[in-house]
């Protein structure tokens, strides 16, 4: 299981925003999560941007496929002027 999660949304400027949270399991300490934020006008640019971030290279193939599907849905929602809701 991956130790991270992502939140995808559409910003007010019609850019796709991806917030990456890395969750490290620690006991007896307080965990504070700060996201790494990515934003781009389309999925192609966003894929190029997140590929430069090394932590994305270690996530599972299933997680990568899920992200691709959700980012594509977000881009389609922008193009047809619909509300995007992440699954």
C-alpha atoms as a PDB file:
ATOM      1  CA  UNK A   1       0.000   0.000   0.000  1.00  0.00           C
ATOM      2  CA  UNK A   2       1.275   3.449  -0.867  1.00  0.00           C
ATOM      3  CA  UNK A   3       2.128   5.773   1.992  1.00  0.00           C
ATOM      4  CA  UNK A   4       0.697   8.830   0.253  1.00  0.00           C
ATOM      5  CA  UNK A   5      -2.488  10.257  -1.135  1.00  0.00           C
ATOM      6  CA  UNK A   6      -3.485  12.916  -3.625  1.00  0.00           C
ATOM      7  CA  UNK A   7      -6.264  15.450  -3.878  1.00  0.00           C
ATOM      8  CA  UNK A   8      -7.180  16.695  -7.343  1.00  0.00           C
ATOM      9  CA  UNK A   9      -9.304  19.775  -7.919  1.00  0.00           C
ATOM     10  CA  UNK A  10      -9.877  22.555 -10.411  1.00  0.00           C
ATOM     11  CA  UNK A  11      -8.761  26.019  -9.345  1.00  0.00           C
ATOM     12  CA  UNK A  12     -10.608  29.245 -10.053  1.00  0.00           C
ATOM     13  CA  UNK A  13      -8.228  29.979 -12.925  1.00  0.00           C
ATOM     14  CA  UNK A  14      -9.327  26.675 -14.606  1.00  0.00           C
ATOM     15  CA  UNK A  15      -5.994  25.026 -13.839  1.00  0.00           C
ATOM     16  CA  UNK A  16      -5.816  21.432 -12.629  1.00  0.00           C
ATOM     17  CA  UNK A  17      -4.387  21.321  -9.107  1.00  0.00           C
ATOM     18  CA  UNK A  18      -2.864  18.219  -7.553  1.00  0.00           C
ATOM     19  CA  UNK A  19      -1.981  18.146  -3.851  1.00  0.00           C
ATOM     20  CA  UNK A  20       0.410  15.349  -2.879  1.00  0.00           C
ATOM     21  CA  UNK A  21       0.504  14.264   0.766  1.00  0.00           C
ATOM     22  CA  UNK A  22       3.262  11.920   1.915  1.00  0.00           C
ATOM     23  CA  UNK A  23       2.197   9.895   4.937  1.00  0.00           C
ATOM     24  CA  UNK A  24       5.009   8.316   6.916  1.00  0.00           C
ATOM     25  CA  UNK A  25       3.928   6.003   9.686  1.00  0.00           C
ATOM     26  CA  UNK A  26       5.396   7.239  12.950  1.00  0.00           C
ATOM     27  CA  UNK A  27       4.440   6.169  16.432  1.00  0.00           C
ATOM     28  CA  UNK A  28       4.662   8.292  19.563  1.00  0.00           C
ATOM     29  CA  UNK A  29       5.061  11.500  17.554  1.00  0.00           C
ATOM     30  CA  UNK A  30       2.646  13.970  16.086  1.00  0.00           C
ATOM     31  CA  UNK A  31       2.393  13.786  12.312  1.00  0.00           C
ATOM     32  CA  UNK A  32       1.881  17.037  10.443  1.00  0.00           C
ATOM     33  CA  UNK A  33       1.130  16.711   6.744  1.00  0.00           C
ATOM     34  CA  UNK A  34       2.060  19.487   4.364  1.00  0.00           C
ATOM     35  CA  UNK A  35       1.137  18.939   0.731  1.00  0.00           C
ATOM     36  CA  UNK A  36       3.332  19.413  -2.280  1.00  0.00           C
ATOM     37  CA  UNK A  37       1.189  21.366  -4.729  1.00  0.00           C
ATOM     38  CA  UNK A  38       1.282  21.038  -8.513  1.00  0.00           C
ATOM     39  CA  UNK A  39      -0.784  23.141 -10.903  1.00  0.00           C
ATOM     40  CA  UNK A  40      -0.952  23.203 -14.700  1.00  0.00           C
ATOM     41  CA  UNK A  41      -3.299  24.149 -17.541  1.00  0.00           C
ATOM     42  CA  UNK A  42      -3.645  20.580 -18.850  1.00  0.00           C
ATOM     43  CA  UNK A  43      -2.777  16.987 -18.007  1.00  0.00           C
ATOM     44  CA  UNK A  44       0.195  16.844 -20.380  1.00  0.00           C
ATOM     45  CA  UNK A  45       1.929  19.706 -18.571  1.00  0.00           C
ATOM     46  CA  UNK A  46       0.956  18.311 -15.180  1.00  0.00           C
ATOM     47  CA  UNK A  47       2.367  14.855 -16.028  1.00  0.00           C
ATOM     48  CA  UNK A  48       5.645  16.461 -17.079  1.00  0.00           C
ATOM     49  CA  UNK A  49       5.730  18.498 -13.890  1.00  0.00           C
ATOM     50  CA  UNK A  50       5.057  15.630 -11.474  1.00  0.00           C
ATOM     51  CA  UNK A  51       7.500  13.341 -13.301  1.00  0.00           C
ATOM     52  CA  UNK A  52      10.262  15.681 -12.117  1.00  0.00           C
ATOM     53  CA  UNK A  53       9.304  15.014  -8.486  1.00  0.00           C
ATOM     54  CA  UNK A  54      11.126  11.844  -7.377  1.00  0.00           C
ATOM     55  CA  UNK A  55       8.501  10.670  -4.888  1.00  0.00           C
ATOM     56  CA  UNK A  56       6.084   9.972  -7.737  1.00  0.00           C
ATOM     57  CA  UNK A  57       8.486   7.355  -9.097  1.00  0.00           C
ATOM     58  CA  UNK A  58       7.916   5.073  -6.103  1.00  0.00           C
ATOM     59  CA  UNK A  59       4.104   4.951  -6.068  1.00  0.00           C
ATOM     60  CA  UNK A  60       2.391   1.792  -7.276  1.00  0.00           C
ATOM     61  CA  UNK A  61       1.280   1.260 -10.860  1.00  0.00           C
ATOM     62  CA  UNK A  62      -2.362   1.069  -9.755  1.00  0.00           C
ATOM     63  CA  UNK A  63      -2.031   4.433  -8.045  1.00  0.00           C
ATOM     64  CA  UNK A  64      -0.432   5.963 -11.152  1.00  0.00           C
ATOM     65  CA  UNK A  65      -3.254   4.621 -13.340  1.00  0.00           C
ATOM     66  CA  UNK A  66      -5.850   6.022 -10.932  1.00  0.00           C
ATOM     67  CA  UNK A  67      -4.144   9.442 -11.013  1.00  0.00           C
ATOM     68  CA  UNK A  68      -4.089   9.403 -14.809  1.00  0.00           C
ATOM     69  CA  UNK A  69      -7.799   8.620 -14.950  1.00  0.00           C
ATOM     70  CA  UNK A  70      -8.699  11.344 -12.460  1.00  0.00           C
ATOM     71  CA  UNK A  71      -6.512  13.973 -14.107  1.00  0.00           C
ATOM     72  CA  UNK A  72      -8.089  13.182 -17.468  1.00  0.00           C
ATOM     73  CA  UNK A  73     -11.571  13.527 -15.931  1.00  0.00           C
ATOM     74  CA  UNK A  74     -10.562  16.919 -14.498  1.00  0.00           C
ATOM     75  CA  UNK A  75      -9.353  18.134 -17.893  1.00  0.00           C
ATOM     76  CA  UNK A  76     -12.555  16.994 -19.600  1.00  0.00           C
ATOM     77  CA  UNK A  77     -14.610  18.740 -16.905  1.00  0.00           C
ATOM     78  CA  UNK A  78     -12.763  21.991 -17.632  1.00  0.00           C
ATOM     79  CA  UNK A  79     -13.313  21.688 -21.379  1.00  0.00           C
ATOM     80  CA  UNK A  80     -17.050  21.020 -21.111  1.00  0.00           C
ATOM     81  CA  UNK A  81     -17.504  23.491 -18.223  1.00  0.00           C
ATOM     82  CA  UNK A  82     -18.683  20.924 -15.683  1.00  0.00           C
ATOM     83  CA  UNK A  83     -17.988  20.427 -11.995  1.00  0.00           C
ATOM     84  CA  UNK A  84     -15.236  17.904 -11.263  1.00  0.00           C
ATOM     85  CA  UNK A  85     -15.587  15.531  -8.306  1.00  0.00           C
ATOM     86  CA  UNK A  86     -12.742  13.146  -7.511  1.00  0.00           C
ATOM     87  CA  UNK A  87     -13.683   9.469  -7.000  1.00  0.00           C
END
